[in-house]
Structures are given as C-alpha cells and as structure tokens.
C-alpha cells in the first residue's frame, strides 16, 4: 500500500479504529506519526506501508512548520 496524501494515512489509521483530531494540524500529524509507528511495532502493518506513511507525514509536517514560520514573520 502506498500513500500520497495525509488523507491516505488517515484512512489507514481509521482501518484500525484510530481517529486523530487534536485541533491543530501540526499536532494531528505528530500524533499520527506516533500511531503509525505503534502499528508497525505491533506488526499490524508491514515495513513498506510504514515507510510510505512516514514519508507522507514527514512531508506534511515540514509544510506545516513552514506555514507557521511564514505566519510569524
């Protein structure tokens, strides 16, 4: 399974009954990162799925950090 968007990662988590909505997108991404890692460590997802999801989450995290940095200028 490969992922291209944050929505794809949300759907993966949803398959395991995990819904993430903290209220701030950056925090949501960070919590999703933790949840995906836990799924992998529990052997509920394979390595390819884990890496693919992590890449999307890292990309989205960088985007959000850049947005926050640009807003503070």
PDB file of N, CA and C in Angstrom:
ATOM      1  N   UNK A   1       0.846  -1.184   0.000  1.00  0.00           N
ATOM      2  CA  UNK A   1       0.000   0.000   0.000  1.00  0.00           C
ATOM      3  C   UNK A   1       0.883   1.236   0.000  1.00  0.00           C
ATOM      4  N   UNK A   2       0.634   2.148  -0.933  1.00  0.00           N
ATOM      5  CA  UNK A   2       1.440   3.368  -0.954  1.00  0.00           C
ATOM      6  C   UNK A   2       0.542   4.571  -0.690  1.00  0.00           C
ATOM      7  N   UNK A   3       1.141   5.578  -0.119  1.00  0.00           N
ATOM      8  CA  UNK A   3       0.393   6.758   0.297  1.00  0.00           C
ATOM      9  C   UNK A   3       0.939   7.993  -0.394  1.00  0.00           C
ATOM     10  N   UNK A   4       0.044   8.897  -0.749  1.00  0.00           N
ATOM     11  CA  UNK A   4       0.474  10.146  -1.371  1.00  0.00           C
ATOM     12  C   UNK A   4      -0.016  11.368  -0.599  1.00  0.00           C
ATOM     13  N   UNK A   5      -1.069  11.191   0.192  1.00  0.00           N
ATOM     14  CA  UNK A   5      -1.627  12.333   0.916  1.00  0.00           C
ATOM     15  C   UNK A   5      -1.843  11.995   2.392  1.00  0.00           C
ATOM     16  N   UNK A   6      -2.036  13.039   3.163  1.00  0.00           N
ATOM     17  CA  UNK A   6      -2.337  12.866   4.579  1.00  0.00           C
ATOM     18  C   UNK A   6      -3.658  12.114   4.747  1.00  0.00           C
ATOM     19  N   UNK A   7      -4.582  12.356   3.846  1.00  0.00           N
ATOM     20  CA  UNK A   7      -5.868  11.659   3.883  1.00  0.00           C
ATOM     21  C   UNK A   7      -5.664  10.141   3.789  1.00  0.00           C
ATOM     22  N   UNK A   8      -4.724   9.710   2.935  1.00  0.00           N
ATOM     23  CA  UNK A   8      -4.429   8.279   2.807  1.00  0.00           C
ATOM     24  C   UNK A   8      -3.974   7.684   4.145  1.00  0.00           C
ATOM     25  N   UNK A   9      -3.133   8.431   4.849  1.00  0.00           N
ATOM     26  CA  UNK A   9      -2.644   7.967   6.152  1.00  0.00           C
ATOM     27  C   UNK A   9      -3.799   7.934   7.156  1.00  0.00           C
ATOM     28  N   UNK A  10      -4.666   8.938   7.098  1.00  0.00           N
ATOM     29  CA  UNK A  10      -5.835   8.956   7.986  1.00  0.00           C
ATOM     30  C   UNK A  10      -6.712   7.732   7.743  1.00  0.00           C
ATOM     31  N   UNK A  11      -6.870   7.353   6.489  1.00  0.00           N
ATOM     32  CA  UNK A  11      -7.682   6.186   6.162  1.00  0.00           C
ATOM     33  C   UNK A  11      -7.043   4.895   6.674  1.00  0.00           C
ATOM     34  N   UNK A  12      -5.717   4.820   6.623  1.00  0.00           N
ATOM     35  CA  UNK A  12      -5.011   3.664   7.187  1.00  0.00           C
ATOM     36  C   UNK A  12      -5.312   3.556   8.679  1.00  0.00           C
ATOM     37  N   UNK A  13      -5.146   4.657   9.389  1.00  0.00           N
ATOM     38  CA  UNK A  13      -5.399   4.649  10.833  1.00  0.00           C
ATOM     39  C   UNK A  13      -6.855   4.311  11.137  1.00  0.00           C
ATOM     40  N   UNK A  14      -7.749   4.836  10.323  1.00  0.00           N
ATOM     41  CA  UNK A  14      -9.178   4.584  10.501  1.00  0.00           C
ATOM     42  C   UNK A  14      -9.492   3.089  10.400  1.00  0.00           C
ATOM     43  N   UNK A  15      -8.778   2.370   9.516  1.00  0.00           N
ATOM     44  CA  UNK A  15      -8.974   0.921   9.382  1.00  0.00           C
ATOM     45  C   UNK A  15      -8.701   0.189  10.686  1.00  0.00           C
ATOM     46  N   UNK A  16      -7.864   0.770  11.542  1.00  0.00           N
ATOM     47  CA  UNK A  16      -7.532   0.165  12.824  1.00  0.00           C
ATOM     48  C   UNK A  16      -8.272   0.832  13.983  1.00  0.00           C
ATOM     49  N   UNK A  17      -9.272   1.658  13.649  1.00  0.00           N
ATOM     50  CA  UNK A  17     -10.096   2.275  14.681  1.00  0.00           C
ATOM     51  C   UNK A  17      -9.462   3.484  15.347  1.00  0.00           C
ATOM     52  N   UNK A  18      -8.482   4.098  14.692  1.00  0.00           N
ATOM     53  CA  UNK A  18      -7.803   5.260  15.267  1.00  0.00           C
ATOM     54  C   UNK A  18      -8.204   6.515  14.508  1.00  0.00           C
ATOM     55  N   UNK A  19      -8.809   7.434  15.222  1.00  0.00           N
ATOM     56  CA  UNK A  19      -9.203   8.725  14.657  1.00  0.00           C
ATOM     57  C   UNK A  19      -8.409   9.801  15.377  1.00  0.00           C
ATOM     58  N   UNK A  20      -7.756  10.674  14.603  1.00  0.00           N
ATOM     59  CA  UNK A  20      -6.915  11.701  15.196  1.00  0.00           C
ATOM     60  C   UNK A  20      -7.463  13.070  14.839  1.00  0.00           C
ATOM     61  N   UNK A  21      -7.819  13.826  15.870  1.00  0.00           N
ATOM     62  CA  UNK A  21      -8.195  15.226  15.679  1.00  0.00           C
ATOM     63  C   UNK A  21      -7.927  15.951  16.992  1.00  0.00           C
ATOM     64  N   UNK A  22      -6.755  16.542  17.072  1.00  0.00           N
ATOM     65  CA  UNK A  22      -6.373  17.265  18.285  1.00  0.00           C
ATOM     66  C   UNK A  22      -6.839  18.710  18.194  1.00  0.00           C
ATOM     67  N   UNK A  23      -6.914  19.222  16.972  1.00  0.00           N
ATOM     68  CA  UNK A  23      -7.394  20.583  16.794  1.00  0.00           C
ATOM     69  C   UNK A  23      -6.407  21.474  16.064  1.00  0.00           C
ATOM     70  N   UNK A  24      -5.157  21.066  16.037  1.00  0.00           N
ATOM     71  CA  UNK A  24      -4.133  21.807  15.312  1.00  0.00           C
ATOM     72  C   UNK A  24      -3.483  20.804  14.354  1.00  0.00           C
ATOM     73  N   UNK A  25      -3.425  21.154  13.088  1.00  0.00           N
ATOM     74  CA  UNK A  25      -2.950  20.213  12.062  1.00  0.00           C
ATOM     75  C   UNK A  25      -1.558  19.655  12.381  1.00  0.00           C
ATOM     76  N   UNK A  26      -0.657  20.506  12.839  1.00  0.00           N
ATOM     77  CA  UNK A  26       0.697  20.057  13.162  1.00  0.00           C
ATOM     78  C   UNK A  26       0.669  18.992  14.256  1.00  0.00           C
ATOM     79  N   UNK A  27      -0.138  19.204  15.262  1.00  0.00           N
ATOM     80  CA  UNK A  27      -0.254  18.232  16.358  1.00  0.00           C
ATOM     81  C   UNK A  27      -0.890  16.932  15.874  1.00  0.00           C
ATOM     82  N   UNK A  28      -1.879  17.064  14.987  1.00  0.00           N
ATOM     83  CA  UNK A  28      -2.514  15.873  14.407  1.00  0.00           C
ATOM     84  C   UNK A  28      -1.477  15.022  13.684  1.00  0.00           C
ATOM     85  N   UNK A  29      -0.631  15.671  12.896  1.00  0.00           N
ATOM     86  CA  UNK A  29       0.401  14.958  12.142  1.00  0.00           C
ATOM     87  C   UNK A  29       1.365  14.255  13.088  1.00  0.00           C
ATOM     88  N   UNK A  30       1.761  14.939  14.148  1.00  0.00           N
ATOM     89  CA  UNK A  30       2.688  14.343  15.113  1.00  0.00           C
ATOM     90  C   UNK A  30       2.071  13.129  15.803  1.00  0.00           C
ATOM     91  N   UNK A  31       0.800  13.215  16.142  1.00  0.00           N
ATOM     92  CA  UNK A  31       0.127  12.079  16.773  1.00  0.00           C
ATOM     93  C   UNK A  31      -0.042  10.919  15.787  1.00  0.00           C
ATOM     94  N   UNK A  32      -0.340  11.237  14.530  1.00  0.00           N
ATOM     95  CA  UNK A  32      -0.439  10.187  13.512  1.00  0.00           C
ATOM     96  C   UNK A  32       0.895   9.473  13.349  1.00  0.00           C
ATOM     97  N   UNK A  33       1.980  10.231  13.408  1.00  0.00           N
ATOM     98  CA  UNK A  33       3.323   9.658  13.323  1.00  0.00           C
ATOM     99  C   UNK A  33       3.510   8.599  14.412  1.00  0.00           C
ATOM    100  N   UNK A  34       3.122   8.941  15.629  1.00  0.00           N
ATOM    101  CA  UNK A  34       3.237   8.020  16.765  1.00  0.00           C
ATOM    102  C   UNK A  34       2.351   6.793  16.558  1.00  0.00           C
ATOM    103  N   UNK A  35       1.132   7.011  16.105  1.00  0.00           N
ATOM    104  CA  UNK A  35       0.193   5.893  15.922  1.00  0.00           C
ATOM    105  C   UNK A  35       0.646   4.931  14.831  1.00  0.00           C
ATOM    106  N   UNK A  36       1.174   5.479  13.727  1.00  0.00           N
ATOM    107  CA  UNK A  36       1.665   4.617  12.647  1.00  0.00           C
ATOM    108  C   UNK A  36       2.854   3.791  13.146  1.00  0.00           C
ATOM    109  N   UNK A  37       3.713   4.424  13.922  1.00  0.00           N
ATOM    110  CA  UNK A  37       4.867   3.710  14.476  1.00  0.00           C
ATOM    111  C   UNK A  37       4.406   2.568  15.392  1.00  0.00           C
ATOM    112  N   UNK A  38       3.391   2.818  16.195  1.00  0.00           N
ATOM    113  CA  UNK A  38       2.872   1.782  17.083  1.00  0.00           C
ATOM    114  C   UNK A  38       2.276   0.613  16.287  1.00  0.00           C
ATOM    115  N   UNK A  39       1.590   0.928  15.190  1.00  0.00           N
ATOM    116  CA  UNK A  39       1.044  -0.135  14.345  1.00  0.00           C
ATOM    117  C   UNK A  39       2.161  -1.000  13.777  1.00  0.00           C
ATOM    118  N   UNK A  40       3.230  -0.358  13.348  1.00  0.00           N
ATOM    119  CA  UNK A  40       4.359  -1.101  12.792  1.00  0.00           C
ATOM    120  C   UNK A  40       5.035  -1.955  13.866  1.00  0.00           C
ATOM    121  N   UNK A  41       5.272  -1.363  15.026  1.00  0.00           N
ATOM    122  CA  UNK A  41       5.922  -2.103  16.109  1.00  0.00           C
ATOM    123  C   UNK A  41       5.075  -3.279  16.587  1.00  0.00           C
ATOM    124  N   UNK A  42       3.773  -3.157  16.444  1.00  0.00           N
ATOM    125  CA  UNK A  42       2.856  -4.245  16.822  1.00  0.00           C
ATOM    126  C   UNK A  42       2.669  -5.250  15.683  1.00  0.00           C
ATOM    127  N   UNK A  43       3.394  -5.039  14.589  1.00  0.00           N
ATOM    128  CA  UNK A  43       3.345  -5.885  13.400  1.00  0.00           C
ATOM    129  C   UNK A  43       1.959  -5.938  12.769  1.00  0.00           C
ATOM    130  N   UNK A  44       1.239  -4.830  12.862  1.00  0.00           N
ATOM    131  CA  UNK A  44      -0.089  -4.748  12.259  1.00  0.00           C
ATOM    132  C   UNK A  44      -0.001  -4.213  10.828  1.00  0.00           C
ATOM    133  N   UNK A  45       1.105  -3.531  10.515  1.00  0.00           N
ATOM    134  CA  UNK A  45       1.364  -3.091   9.143  1.00  0.00           C
ATOM    135  C   UNK A  45       2.784  -3.516   8.770  1.00  0.00           C
ATOM    136  N   UNK A  46       3.014  -3.681   7.469  1.00  0.00           N
ATOM    137  CA  UNK A  46       4.349  -4.097   7.030  1.00  0.00           C
ATOM    138  C   UNK A  46       5.286  -2.896   6.893  1.00  0.00           C
ATOM    139  N   UNK A  47       6.546  -3.207   6.643  1.00  0.00           N
ATOM    140  CA  UNK A  47       7.579  -2.172   6.588  1.00  0.00           C
ATOM    141  C   UNK A  47       7.327  -1.182   5.442  1.00  0.00           C
ATOM    142  N   UNK A  48       6.902  -1.676   4.294  1.00  0.00           N
ATOM    143  CA  UNK A  48       6.641  -0.808   3.138  1.00  0.00           C
ATOM    144  C   UNK A  48       5.529   0.194   3.458  1.00  0.00           C
ATOM    145  N   UNK A  49       4.478  -0.264   4.085  1.00  0.00           N
ATOM    146  CA  UNK A  49       3.367   0.607   4.467  1.00  0.00           C
ATOM    147  C   UNK A  49       3.841   1.634   5.483  1.00  0.00           C
ATOM    148  N   UNK A  50       4.610   1.185   6.454  1.00  0.00           N
ATOM    149  CA  UNK A  50       5.147   2.070   7.486  1.00  0.00           C
ATOM    150  C   UNK A  50       5.993   3.180   6.873  1.00  0.00           C
ATOM    151  N   UNK A  51       6.924   2.811   6.016  1.00  0.00           N
ATOM    152  CA  UNK A  51       7.818   3.800   5.418  1.00  0.00           C
ATOM    153  C   UNK A  51       7.046   4.783   4.537  1.00  0.00           C
ATOM    154  N   UNK A  52       6.135   4.272   3.770  1.00  0.00           N
ATOM    155  CA  UNK A  52       5.332   5.119   2.890  1.00  0.00           C
ATOM    156  C   UNK A  52       4.519   6.140   3.693  1.00  0.00           C
ATOM    157  N   UNK A  53       3.893   5.676   4.759  1.00  0.00           N
ATOM    158  CA  UNK A  53       3.095   6.569   5.608  1.00  0.00           C
ATOM    159  C   UNK A  53       3.992   7.599   6.302  1.00  0.00           C
ATOM    160  N   UNK A  54       5.154   7.161   6.775  1.00  0.00           N
ATOM    161  CA  UNK A  54       6.075   8.079   7.451  1.00  0.00           C
ATOM    162  C   UNK A  54       6.569   9.169   6.512  1.00  0.00           C
ATOM    163  N   UNK A  55       6.837   8.823   5.262  1.00  0.00           N
ATOM    164  CA  UNK A  55       7.288   9.828   4.291  1.00  0.00           C
ATOM    165  C   UNK A  55       6.239  10.910   4.077  1.00  0.00           C
ATOM    166  N   UNK A  56       4.990  10.503   3.963  1.00  0.00           N
ATOM    167  CA  UNK A  56       3.903  11.473   3.801  1.00  0.00           C
ATOM    168  C   UNK A  56       3.801  12.363   5.041  1.00  0.00           C
ATOM    169  N   UNK A  57       3.858  11.738   6.216  1.00  0.00           N
ATOM    170  CA  UNK A  57       3.742  12.509   7.455  1.00  0.00           C
ATOM    171  C   UNK A  57       4.898  13.498   7.620  1.00  0.00           C
ATOM    172  N   UNK A  58       6.108  13.084   7.276  1.00  0.00           N
ATOM    173  CA  UNK A  58       7.259  13.985   7.375  1.00  0.00           C
ATOM    174  C   UNK A  58       7.106  15.164   6.419  1.00  0.00           C
ATOM    175  N   UNK A  59       6.654  14.882   5.191  1.00  0.00           N
ATOM    176  CA  UNK A  59       6.450  15.951   4.208  1.00  0.00           C
ATOM    177  C   UNK A  59       5.398  16.947   4.696  1.00  0.00           C
ATOM    178  N   UNK A  60       4.293  16.430   5.187  1.00  0.00           N
ATOM    179  CA  UNK A  60       3.224  17.306   5.671  1.00  0.00           C
ATOM    180  C   UNK A  60       3.664  18.104   6.895  1.00  0.00           C
ATOM    181  N   UNK A  61       4.466  17.479   7.743  1.00  0.00           N
ATOM    182  CA  UNK A  61       4.973  18.160   8.942  1.00  0.00           C
ATOM    183  C   UNK A  61       5.853  19.340   8.532  1.00  0.00           C
ATOM    184  N   UNK A  62       6.733  19.118   7.553  1.00  0.00           N
ATOM    185  CA  UNK A  62       7.590  20.206   7.065  1.00  0.00           C
ATOM    186  C   UNK A  62       6.762  21.349   6.492  1.00  0.00           C
ATOM    187  N   UNK A  63       5.709  21.015   5.725  1.00  0.00           N
ATOM    188  CA  UNK A  63       4.833  22.037   5.148  1.00  0.00           C
ATOM    189  C   UNK A  63       4.187  22.887   6.250  1.00  0.00           C
ATOM    190  N   UNK A  64       3.683  22.219   7.276  1.00  0.00           N
ATOM    191  CA  UNK A  64       3.019  22.934   8.365  1.00  0.00           C
ATOM    192  C   UNK A  64       4.001  23.812   9.139  1.00  0.00           C
ATOM    193  N   UNK A  65       5.213  23.297   9.382  1.00  0.00           N
ATOM    194  CA  UNK A  65       6.220  24.106  10.070  1.00  0.00           C
ATOM    195  C   UNK A  65       6.564  25.339   9.257  1.00  0.00           C
ATOM    196  N   UNK A  66       6.659  25.190   7.936  1.00  0.00           N
ATOM    197  CA  UNK A  66       6.962  26.325   7.065  1.00  0.00           C
ATOM    198  C   UNK A  66       5.831  27.350   7.119  1.00  0.00           C
ATOM    199  N   UNK A  67       4.588  26.872   7.082  1.00  0.00           N
ATOM    200  CA  UNK A  67       3.434  27.783   7.171  1.00  0.00           C
ATOM    201  C   UNK A  67       3.472  28.588   8.459  1.00  0.00           C
ATOM    202  N   UNK A  68       3.741  27.907   9.569  1.00  0.00           N
ATOM    203  CA  UNK A  68       3.797  28.597  10.869  1.00  0.00           C
ATOM    204  C   UNK A  68       4.934  29.600  10.904  1.00  0.00           C
ATOM    205  N   UNK A  69       6.060  29.233  10.334  1.00  0.00           N
ATOM    206  CA  UNK A  69       7.212  30.138  10.301  1.00  0.00           C
ATOM    207  C   UNK A  69       6.882  31.367   9.450  1.00  0.00           C
ATOM    208  N   UNK A  70       6.229  31.158   8.298  1.00  0.00           N
ATOM    209  CA  UNK A  70       5.861  32.266   7.423  1.00  0.00           C
ATOM    210  C   UNK A  70       4.831  33.186   8.090  1.00  0.00           C
ATOM    211  N   UNK A  71       3.931  32.628   8.869  1.00  0.00           N
ATOM    212  CA  UNK A  71       2.909  33.436   9.563  1.00  0.00           C
ATOM    213  C   UNK A  71       3.525  34.320  10.636  1.00  0.00           C
ATOM    214  N   UNK A  72       4.603  33.842  11.251  1.00  0.00           N
ATOM    215  CA  UNK A  72       5.198  34.585  12.353  1.00  0.00           C
ATOM    216  C   UNK A  72       6.084  35.743  11.870  1.00  0.00           C
ATOM    217  N   UNK A  73       6.309  35.832  10.590  1.00  0.00           N
ATOM    218  CA  UNK A  73       7.153  36.918  10.060  1.00  0.00           C
ATOM    219  C   UNK A  73       6.408  38.222  10.015  1.00  0.00           C
TER     220      UNK A  73
END
